[in-house]
Amino acid sequence: MCIRDSINTLRDNSTGKRSVQDIAVFFGLPLLLSFIAFYFRWTLSVEALNGILASFAIFATLLLNLLILVYTFSTDTVHPNALTKIRGLSLIHI
């Protein structure tokens, strides 16, 4: 069921029909690139693989940090901006 739900998100919002372009980008392009890499027998060195792994680890950490930041702001009910804070402080001192 999870795969079907994921495929159903590949729809054009204006028409409600499945988007052929989205399906081609998310399924066709990775398959095509993997077949090309297999055909030409492309390989990665250990250094390149370590670099890619480190890059994805840093990227995943940044995305997790962003998710926690959004969650923190969404649960906070009061979001005073800097101007409101300054006006509030100036009223107290007067």
PDB file of N, CA and C in Angstrom:
ATOM      1  N   MET A   1       0.793  -1.194   0.000  1.00  0.00           N
ATOM      2  CA  MET A   1       0.000   0.000   0.000  1.00  0.00           C
ATOM      3  C   MET A   1       0.839   1.262   0.000  1.00  0.00           C
ATOM      4  N   CYS A   2       1.978   1.201   0.620  1.00  0.00           N
ATOM      5  CA  CYS A   2       2.842   2.363   0.706  1.00  0.00           C
ATOM      6  C   CYS A   2       3.366   2.764  -0.681  1.00  0.00           C
ATOM      7  N   ILE A   3       3.704   1.789  -1.508  1.00  0.00           N
ATOM      8  CA  ILE A   3       4.206   2.087  -2.849  1.00  0.00           C
ATOM      9  C   ILE A   3       3.102   2.700  -3.705  1.00  0.00           C
ATOM     10  N   ARG A   4       1.896   2.168  -3.595  1.00  0.00           N
ATOM     11  CA  ARG A   4       0.778   2.710  -4.362  1.00  0.00           C
ATOM     12  C   ARG A   4       0.491   4.160  -3.952  1.00  0.00           C
ATOM     13  N   ASP A   5       0.533   4.435  -2.653  1.00  0.00           N
ATOM     14  CA  ASP A   5       0.306   5.799  -2.188  1.00  0.00           C
ATOM     15  C   ASP A   5       1.400   6.741  -2.676  1.00  0.00           C
ATOM     16  N   SER A   6       2.630   6.241  -2.715  1.00  0.00           N
ATOM     17  CA  SER A   6       3.733   7.058  -3.191  1.00  0.00           C
ATOM     18  C   SER A   6       3.582   7.377  -4.679  1.00  0.00           C
ATOM     19  N   ILE A   7       3.176   6.400  -5.471  1.00  0.00           N
ATOM     20  CA  ILE A   7       2.978   6.627  -6.905  1.00  0.00           C
ATOM     21  C   ILE A   7       1.800   7.560  -7.146  1.00  0.00           C
ATOM     22  N   ASN A   8       0.777   7.496  -6.303  1.00  0.00           N
ATOM     23  CA  ASN A   8      -0.384   8.366  -6.477  1.00  0.00           C
ATOM     24  C   ASN A   8      -0.073   9.833  -6.207  1.00  0.00           C
ATOM     25  N   THR A   9       1.056  10.126  -5.564  1.00  0.00           N
ATOM     26  CA  THR A   9       1.430  11.529  -5.360  1.00  0.00           C
ATOM     27  C   THR A   9       2.006  12.159  -6.614  1.00  0.00           C
ATOM     28  N   LEU A  10       2.332  11.356  -7.615  1.00  0.00           N
ATOM     29  CA  LEU A  10       2.911  11.874  -8.862  1.00  0.00           C
ATOM     30  C   LEU A  10       1.797  12.310  -9.803  1.00  0.00           C
ATOM     31  N   ARG A  11       1.029  13.278  -9.375  1.00  0.00           N
ATOM     32  CA  ARG A  11      -0.106  13.780 -10.160  1.00  0.00           C
ATOM     33  C   ARG A  11       0.071  15.262 -10.456  1.00  0.00           C
ATOM     34  N   ASP A  12      -0.512  15.683 -11.552  1.00  0.00           N
ATOM     35  CA  ASP A  12      -0.544  17.096 -11.903  1.00  0.00           C
ATOM     36  C   ASP A  12      -1.682  17.737 -11.116  1.00  0.00           C
ATOM     37  N   ASN A  13      -1.394  18.751 -10.333  1.00  0.00           N
ATOM     38  CA  ASN A  13      -2.410  19.359  -9.481  1.00  0.00           C
ATOM     39  C   ASN A  13      -3.525  20.033 -10.264  1.00  0.00           C
ATOM     40  N   SER A  14      -3.225  20.533 -11.451  1.00  0.00           N
ATOM     41  CA  SER A  14      -4.247  21.250 -12.209  1.00  0.00           C
ATOM     42  C   SER A  14      -5.251  20.298 -12.866  1.00  0.00           C
ATOM     43  N   THR A  15      -4.798  19.106 -13.272  1.00  0.00           N
ATOM     44  CA  THR A  15      -5.707  18.177 -13.948  1.00  0.00           C
ATOM     45  C   THR A  15      -6.114  16.996 -13.076  1.00  0.00           C
ATOM     46  N   GLY A  16      -5.310  16.650 -12.080  1.00  0.00           N
ATOM     47  CA  GLY A  16      -5.597  15.490 -11.250  1.00  0.00           C
ATOM     48  C   GLY A  16      -5.133  14.180 -11.854  1.00  0.00           C
ATOM     49  N   LYS A  17      -4.558  14.222 -13.065  1.00  0.00           N
ATOM     50  CA  LYS A  17      -4.063  13.007 -13.726  1.00  0.00           C
ATOM     51  C   LYS A  17      -2.619  12.759 -13.354  1.00  0.00           C
ATOM     52  N   ARG A  18      -2.189  11.512 -13.546  1.00  0.00           N
ATOM     53  CA  ARG A  18      -0.792  11.191 -13.288  1.00  0.00           C
ATOM     54  C   ARG A  18       0.103  11.940 -14.258  1.00  0.00           C
ATOM     55  N   SER A  19       1.180  12.460 -13.718  1.00  0.00           N
ATOM     56  CA  SER A  19       2.120  13.227 -14.527  1.00  0.00           C
ATOM     57  C   SER A  19       3.178  12.296 -15.111  1.00  0.00           C
ATOM     58  N   VAL A  20       3.213  12.212 -16.426  1.00  0.00           N
ATOM     59  CA  VAL A  20       4.185  11.362 -17.114  1.00  0.00           C
ATOM     60  C   VAL A  20       5.596  11.897 -16.881  1.00  0.00           C
ATOM     61  N   GLN A  21       5.735  13.208 -16.828  1.00  0.00           N
ATOM     62  CA  GLN A  21       7.051  13.805 -16.600  1.00  0.00           C
ATOM     63  C   GLN A  21       7.587  13.436 -15.222  1.00  0.00           C
ATOM     64  N   ASP A  22       6.729  13.476 -14.203  1.00  0.00           N
ATOM     65  CA  ASP A  22       7.172  13.110 -12.851  1.00  0.00           C
ATOM     66  C   ASP A  22       7.573  11.641 -12.781  1.00  0.00           C
ATOM     67  N   ILE A  23       6.786  10.790 -13.403  1.00  0.00           N
ATOM     68  CA  ILE A  23       7.111   9.360 -13.406  1.00  0.00           C
ATOM     69  C   ILE A  23       8.429   9.121 -14.130  1.00  0.00           C
ATOM     70  N   ALA A  24       8.648   9.838 -15.241  1.00  0.00           N
ATOM     71  CA  ALA A  24       9.899   9.684 -15.985  1.00  0.00           C
ATOM     72  C   ALA A  24      11.092  10.157 -15.157  1.00  0.00           C
ATOM     73  N   VAL A  25      10.931  11.249 -14.427  1.00  0.00           N
ATOM     74  CA  VAL A  25      12.041  11.778 -13.633  1.00  0.00           C
ATOM     75  C   VAL A  25      12.342  10.880 -12.438  1.00  0.00           C
ATOM     76  N   PHE A  26      11.313  10.415 -11.737  1.00  0.00           N
ATOM     77  CA  PHE A  26      11.533   9.674 -10.496  1.00  0.00           C
ATOM     78  C   PHE A  26      11.763   8.180 -10.701  1.00  0.00           C
ATOM     79  N   PHE A  27      11.345   7.625 -11.827  1.00  0.00           N
ATOM     80  CA  PHE A  27      11.556   6.199 -12.083  1.00  0.00           C
ATOM     81  C   PHE A  27      12.416   5.953 -13.315  1.00  0.00           C
ATOM     82  N   GLY A  28      12.112   6.623 -14.412  1.00  0.00           N
ATOM     83  CA  GLY A  28      12.822   6.381 -15.665  1.00  0.00           C
ATOM     84  C   GLY A  28      14.262   6.843 -15.656  1.00  0.00           C
ATOM     85  N   LEU A  29      14.508   8.036 -15.164  1.00  0.00           N
ATOM     86  CA  LEU A  29      15.868   8.584 -15.162  1.00  0.00           C
ATOM     87  C   LEU A  29      16.831   7.763 -14.295  1.00  0.00           C
ATOM     88  N   PRO A  30      16.468   7.393 -13.060  1.00  0.00           N
ATOM     89  CA  PRO A  30      17.394   6.547 -12.286  1.00  0.00           C
ATOM     90  C   PRO A  30      17.638   5.185 -12.936  1.00  0.00           C
ATOM     91  N   LEU A  31      16.598   4.584 -13.520  1.00  0.00           N
ATOM     92  CA  LEU A  31      16.786   3.305 -14.208  1.00  0.00           C
ATOM     93  C   LEU A  31      17.709   3.460 -15.417  1.00  0.00           C
ATOM     94  N   LEU A  32      17.506   4.506 -16.188  1.00  0.00           N
ATOM     95  CA  LEU A  32      18.340   4.755 -17.357  1.00  0.00           C
ATOM     96  C   LEU A  32      19.794   4.970 -16.960  1.00  0.00           C
ATOM     97  N   LEU A  33      20.027   5.782 -15.940  1.00  0.00           N
ATOM     98  CA  LEU A  33      21.398   6.036 -15.499  1.00  0.00           C
ATOM     99  C   LEU A  33      22.062   4.777 -14.941  1.00  0.00           C
ATOM    100  N   SER A  34      21.309   3.955 -14.236  1.00  0.00           N
ATOM    101  CA  SER A  34      21.902   2.726 -13.698  1.00  0.00           C
ATOM    102  C   SER A  34      22.225   1.738 -14.820  1.00  0.00           C
ATOM    103  N   PHE A  35      21.370   1.653 -15.836  1.00  0.00           N
ATOM    104  CA  PHE A  35      21.674   0.776 -16.968  1.00  0.00           C
ATOM    105  C   PHE A  35      22.892   1.261 -17.750  1.00  0.00           C
ATOM    106  N   ILE A  36      23.013   2.567 -17.924  1.00  0.00           N
ATOM    107  CA  ILE A  36      24.181   3.126 -18.616  1.00  0.00           C
ATOM    108  C   ILE A  36      25.452   2.843 -17.819  1.00  0.00           C
ATOM    109  N   ALA A  37      25.384   3.027 -16.494  1.00  0.00           N
ATOM    110  CA  ALA A  37      26.555   2.758 -15.651  1.00  0.00           C
ATOM    111  C   ALA A  37      26.917   1.278 -15.693  1.00  0.00           C
ATOM    112  N   PHE A  38      25.929   0.409 -15.711  1.00  0.00           N
ATOM    113  CA  PHE A  38      26.201  -1.023 -15.782  1.00  0.00           C
ATOM    114  C   PHE A  38      26.791  -1.405 -17.145  1.00  0.00           C
ATOM    115  N   TYR A  39      26.256  -0.823 -18.198  1.00  0.00           N
ATOM    116  CA  TYR A  39      26.726  -1.149 -19.551  1.00  0.00           C
ATOM    117  C   TYR A  39      28.175  -0.737 -19.746  1.00  0.00           C
ATOM    118  N   PHE A  40      28.528   0.475 -19.301  1.00  0.00           N
ATOM    119  CA  PHE A  40      29.893   0.963 -19.469  1.00  0.00           C
ATOM    120  C   PHE A  40      30.811   0.545 -18.318  1.00  0.00           C
ATOM    121  N   ARG A  41      30.288  -0.219 -17.379  1.00  0.00           N
ATOM    122  CA  ARG A  41      31.037  -0.744 -16.225  1.00  0.00           C
ATOM    123  C   ARG A  41      31.744   0.348 -15.446  1.00  0.00           C
ATOM    124  N   TRP A  42      30.977   1.407 -15.134  1.00  0.00           N
ATOM    125  CA  TRP A  42      31.511   2.478 -14.311  1.00  0.00           C
ATOM    126  C   TRP A  42      31.628   1.988 -12.877  1.00  0.00           C
ATOM    127  N   THR A  43      32.719   2.315 -12.250  1.00  0.00           N
ATOM    128  CA  THR A  43      32.922   1.965 -10.842  1.00  0.00           C
ATOM    129  C   THR A  43      33.369   3.210 -10.083  1.00  0.00           C
ATOM    130  N   LEU A  44      33.233   3.139  -8.774  1.00  0.00           N
ATOM    131  CA  LEU A  44      33.655   4.235  -7.913  1.00  0.00           C
ATOM    132  C   LEU A  44      34.855   3.774  -7.099  1.00  0.00           C
ATOM    133  N   SER A  45      35.800   4.678  -6.927  1.00  0.00           N
ATOM    134  CA  SER A  45      36.930   4.353  -6.065  1.00  0.00           C
ATOM    135  C   SER A  45      36.492   4.450  -4.607  1.00  0.00           C
ATOM    136  N   VAL A  46      37.303   3.939  -3.736  1.00  0.00           N
ATOM    137  CA  VAL A  46      36.985   3.980  -2.306  1.00  0.00           C
ATOM    138  C   VAL A  46      36.912   5.423  -1.816  1.00  0.00           C
ATOM    139  N   GLU A  47      37.795   6.273  -2.311  1.00  0.00           N
ATOM    140  CA  GLU A  47      37.800   7.679  -1.894  1.00  0.00           C
ATOM    141  C   GLU A  47      36.526   8.389  -2.350  1.00  0.00           C
ATOM    142  N   ALA A  48      36.108   8.109  -3.578  1.00  0.00           N
ATOM    143  CA  ALA A  48      34.882   8.735  -4.076  1.00  0.00           C
ATOM    144  C   ALA A  48      33.665   8.258  -3.297  1.00  0.00           C
ATOM    145  N   LEU A  49      33.620   6.976  -2.995  1.00  0.00           N
ATOM    146  CA  LEU A  49      32.506   6.426  -2.228  1.00  0.00           C
ATOM    147  C   LEU A  49      32.471   7.005  -0.821  1.00  0.00           C
ATOM    148  N   ASN A  50      33.631   7.161  -0.190  1.00  0.00           N
ATOM    149  CA  ASN A  50      33.684   7.780   1.133  1.00  0.00           C
ATOM    150  C   ASN A  50      33.233   9.238   1.092  1.00  0.00           C
ATOM    151  N   GLY A  51      33.615   9.958   0.053  1.00  0.00           N
ATOM    152  CA  GLY A  51      33.194  11.352  -0.091  1.00  0.00           C
ATOM    153  C   GLY A  51      31.695  11.477  -0.273  1.00  0.00           C
ATOM    154  N   ILE A  52      31.127  10.610  -1.105  1.00  0.00           N
ATOM    155  CA  ILE A  52      29.679  10.633  -1.327  1.00  0.00           C
ATOM    156  C   ILE A  52      28.934  10.286  -0.043  1.00  0.00           C
ATOM    157  N   LEU A  53      29.422   9.286   0.675  1.00  0.00           N
ATOM    158  CA  LEU A  53      28.792   8.883   1.926  1.00  0.00           C
ATOM    159  C   LEU A  53      28.860   9.997   2.961  1.00  0.00           C
ATOM    160  N   ALA A  54      29.995  10.671   3.067  1.00  0.00           N
ATOM    161  CA  ALA A  54      30.129  11.784   4.005  1.00  0.00           C
ATOM    162  C   ALA A  54      29.215  12.940   3.609  1.00  0.00           C
ATOM    163  N   SER A  55      29.109  13.218   2.326  1.00  0.00           N
ATOM    164  CA  SER A  55      28.235  14.297   1.860  1.00  0.00           C
ATOM    165  C   SER A  55      26.775  14.020   2.200  1.00  0.00           C
ATOM    166  N   PHE A  56      26.332  12.798   1.947  1.00  0.00           N
ATOM    167  CA  PHE A  56      24.947  12.459   2.265  1.00  0.00           C
ATOM    168  C   PHE A  56      24.692  12.453   3.761  1.00  0.00           C
ATOM    169  N   ALA A  57      25.682  12.071   4.562  1.00  0.00           N
ATOM    170  CA  ALA A  57      25.516  12.097   6.019  1.00  0.00           C
ATOM    171  C   ALA A  57      25.356  13.526   6.513  1.00  0.00           C
ATOM    172  N   ILE A  58      26.156  14.443   5.993  1.00  0.00           N
ATOM    173  CA  ILE A  58      26.041  15.848   6.382  1.00  0.00           C
ATOM    174  C   ILE A  58      24.715  16.419   5.917  1.00  0.00           C
ATOM    175  N   PHE A  59      24.307  16.102   4.701  1.00  0.00           N
ATOM    176  CA  PHE A  59      23.045  16.590   4.158  1.00  0.00           C
ATOM    177  C   PHE A  59      21.859  16.070   4.971  1.00  0.00           C
ATOM    178  N   ALA A  60      21.885  14.796   5.350  1.00  0.00           N
ATOM    179  CA  ALA A  60      20.806  14.228   6.153  1.00  0.00           C
ATOM    180  C   ALA A  60      20.745  14.882   7.526  1.00  0.00           C
ATOM    181  N   THR A  61      21.897  15.176   8.107  1.00  0.00           N
ATOM    182  CA  THR A  61      21.930  15.846   9.407  1.00  0.00           C
ATOM    183  C   THR A  61      21.350  17.250   9.315  1.00  0.00           C
ATOM    184  N   LEU A  62      21.692  17.969   8.264  1.00  0.00           N
ATOM    185  CA  LEU A  62      21.135  19.314   8.090  1.00  0.00           C
ATOM    186  C   LEU A  62      19.618  19.276   7.891  1.00  0.00           C
ATOM    187  N   LEU A  63      19.140  18.302   7.120  1.00  0.00           N
ATOM    188  CA  LEU A  63      17.691  18.187   6.925  1.00  0.00           C
ATOM    189  C   LEU A  63      16.977  17.817   8.212  1.00  0.00           C
ATOM    190  N   LEU A  64      17.575  16.949   9.020  1.00  0.00           N
ATOM    191  CA  LEU A  64      16.984  16.595  10.309  1.00  0.00           C
ATOM    192  C   LEU A  64      16.953  17.803  11.232  1.00  0.00           C
ATOM    193  N   ASN A  65      18.008  18.597  11.224  1.00  0.00           N
ATOM    194  CA  ASN A  65      18.049  19.813  12.022  1.00  0.00           C
ATOM    195  C   ASN A  65      16.963  20.791  11.571  1.00  0.00           C
ATOM    196  N   LEU A  66      16.764  20.912  10.272  1.00  0.00           N
ATOM    197  CA  LEU A  66      15.713  21.783   9.754  1.00  0.00           C
ATOM    198  C   LEU A  66      14.331  21.288  10.160  1.00  0.00           C
ATOM    199  N   LEU A  67      14.136  19.988  10.131  1.00  0.00           N
ATOM    200  CA  LEU A  67      12.861  19.412  10.550  1.00  0.00           C
ATOM    201  C   LEU A  67      12.587  19.691  12.019  1.00  0.00           C
ATOM    202  N   ILE A  68      13.585  19.565  12.864  1.00  0.00           N
ATOM    203  CA  ILE A  68      13.416  19.857  14.288  1.00  0.00           C
ATOM    204  C   ILE A  68      13.139  21.338  14.495  1.00  0.00           C
ATOM    205  N   LEU A  69      13.789  22.200  13.734  1.00  0.00           N
ATOM    206  CA  LEU A  69      13.551  23.636  13.839  1.00  0.00           C
ATOM    207  C   LEU A  69      12.128  23.991  13.444  1.00  0.00           C
ATOM    208  N   VAL A  70      11.631  23.432  12.355  1.00  0.00           N
ATOM    209  CA  VAL A  70      10.250  23.684  11.923  1.00  0.00           C
ATOM    210  C   VAL A  70       9.262  23.160  12.959  1.00  0.00           C
ATOM    211  N   TYR A  71       9.529  21.977  13.499  1.00  0.00           N
ATOM    212  CA  TYR A  71       8.653  21.419  14.526  1.00  0.00           C
ATOM    213  C   TYR A  71       8.630  22.305  15.766  1.00  0.00           C
ATOM    214  N   THR A  72       9.777  22.830  16.159  1.00  0.00           N
ATOM    215  CA  THR A  72       9.852  23.701  17.330  1.00  0.00           C
ATOM    216  C   THR A  72       9.042  24.968  17.114  1.00  0.00           C
ATOM    217  N   PHE A  73       9.163  25.581  15.950  1.00  0.00           N
ATOM    218  CA  PHE A  73       8.405  26.797  15.684  1.00  0.00           C
ATOM    219  C   PHE A  73       6.917  26.522  15.510  1.00  0.00           C
ATOM    220  N   SER A  74       6.564  25.348  15.018  1.00  0.00           N
ATOM    221  CA  SER A  74       5.142  25.054  14.821  1.00  0.00           C
ATOM    222  C   SER A  74       4.438  24.767  16.140  1.00  0.00           C
ATOM    223  N   THR A  75       5.147  24.313  17.156  1.00  0.00           N
ATOM    224  CA  THR A  75       4.523  24.045  18.447  1.00  0.00           C
ATOM    225  C   THR A  75       4.495  25.272  19.333  1.00  0.00           C
ATOM    226  N   ASP A  76       5.294  26.280  19.029  1.00  0.00           N
ATOM    227  CA  ASP A  76       5.309  27.510  19.812  1.00  0.00           C
ATOM    228  C   ASP A  76       4.111  28.364  19.411  1.00  0.00           C
ATOM    229  N   THR A  77       3.345  28.848  20.392  1.00  0.00           N
ATOM    230  CA  THR A  77       2.132  29.601  20.065  1.00  0.00           C
ATOM    231  C   THR A  77       2.409  31.077  19.860  1.00  0.00           C
ATOM    232  N   VAL A  78       3.410  31.627  20.515  1.00  0.00           N
ATOM    233  CA  VAL A  78       3.713  33.044  20.396  1.00  0.00           C
ATOM    234  C   VAL A  78       5.017  33.202  19.634  1.00  0.00           C
ATOM    235  N   HIS A  79       4.967  33.999  18.559  1.00  0.00           N
ATOM    236  CA  HIS A  79       6.152  34.244  17.747  1.00  0.00           C
ATOM    237  C   HIS A  79       6.382  35.747  17.636  1.00  0.00           C
ATOM    238  N   PRO A  80       6.862  36.384  18.696  1.00  0.00           N
ATOM    239  CA  PRO A  80       7.098  37.828  18.555  1.00  0.00           C
ATOM    240  C   PRO A  80       8.309  38.087  17.667  1.00  0.00           C
ATOM    241  N   ASN A  81       8.173  39.063  16.805  1.00  0.00           N
ATOM    242  CA  ASN A  81       9.316  39.408  15.964  1.00  0.00           C
ATOM    243  C   ASN A  81      10.207  40.395  16.720  1.00  0.00           C
ATOM    244  N   ALA A  82      11.302  40.759  16.138  1.00  0.00           N
ATOM    245  CA  ALA A  82      12.277  41.616  16.817  1.00  0.00           C
ATOM    246  C   ALA A  82      11.685  42.981  17.137  1.00  0.00           C
ATOM    247  N   LEU A  83      10.881  43.545  16.253  1.00  0.00           N
ATOM    248  CA  LEU A  83      10.286  44.861  16.487  1.00  0.00           C
ATOM    249  C   LEU A  83       9.333  44.827  17.669  1.00  0.00           C
ATOM    250  N   THR A  84       8.553  43.774  17.798  1.00  0.00           N
ATOM    251  CA  THR A  84       7.638  43.637  18.923  1.00  0.00           C
ATOM    252  C   THR A  84       8.413  43.528  20.229  1.00  0.00           C
ATOM    253  N   LYS A  85       9.511  42.800  20.216  1.00  0.00           N
ATOM    254  CA  LYS A  85      10.332  42.684  21.421  1.00  0.00           C
ATOM    255  C   LYS A  85      10.918  44.034  21.818  1.00  0.00           C
ATOM    256  N   ILE A  86      11.400  44.803  20.839  1.00  0.00           N
ATOM    257  CA  ILE A  86      11.982  46.111  21.136  1.00  0.00           C
ATOM    258  C   ILE A  86      10.913  47.063  21.650  1.00  0.00           C
ATOM    259  N   ARG A  87       9.747  47.068  21.027  1.00  0.00           N
ATOM    260  CA  ARG A  87       8.665  47.931  21.511  1.00  0.00           C
ATOM    261  C   ARG A  87       8.236  47.529  22.914  1.00  0.00           C
ATOM    262  N   GLY A  88       8.194  46.255  23.185  1.00  0.00           N
ATOM    263  CA  GLY A  88       7.819  45.792  24.525  1.00  0.00           C
ATOM    264  C   GLY A  88       8.836  46.214  25.562  1.00  0.00           C
ATOM    265  N   LEU A  89      10.118  46.164  25.219  1.00  0.00           N
ATOM    266  CA  LEU A  89      11.158  46.578  26.156  1.00  0.00           C
ATOM    267  C   LEU A  89      11.145  48.083  26.368  1.00  0.00           C
ATOM    268  N   SER A  90      10.879  48.865  25.309  1.00  0.00           N
ATOM    269  CA  SER A  90      10.875  50.320  25.453  1.00  0.00           C
ATOM    270  C   SER A  90       9.686  50.780  26.270  1.00  0.00           C
ATOM    271  N   LEU A  91       8.578  50.085  26.234  1.00  0.00           N
ATOM    272  CA  LEU A  91       7.422  50.453  27.042  1.00  0.00           C
ATOM    273  C   LEU A  91       7.666  50.182  28.521  1.00  0.00           C
ATOM    274  N   ILE A  92       8.434  49.174  28.793  1.00  0.00           N
ATOM    275  CA  ILE A  92       8.730  48.830  30.187  1.00  0.00           C
ATOM    276  C   ILE A  92       9.636  49.885  30.816  1.00  0.00           C
ATOM    277  N   HIS A  93      10.580  50.401  30.071  1.00  0.00           N
ATOM    278  CA  HIS A  93      11.550  51.347  30.621  1.00  0.00           C
ATOM    279  C   HIS A  93      10.995  52.764  30.740  1.00  0.00           C
ATOM    280  N   ILE A  94       9.879  53.067  30.118  1.00  0.00           N
ATOM    281  CA  ILE A  94       9.333  54.429  30.152  1.00  0.00           C
ATOM    282  C   ILE A  94       8.570  54.662  31.374  1.00  0.00           C
TER     283      ILE A  94
END
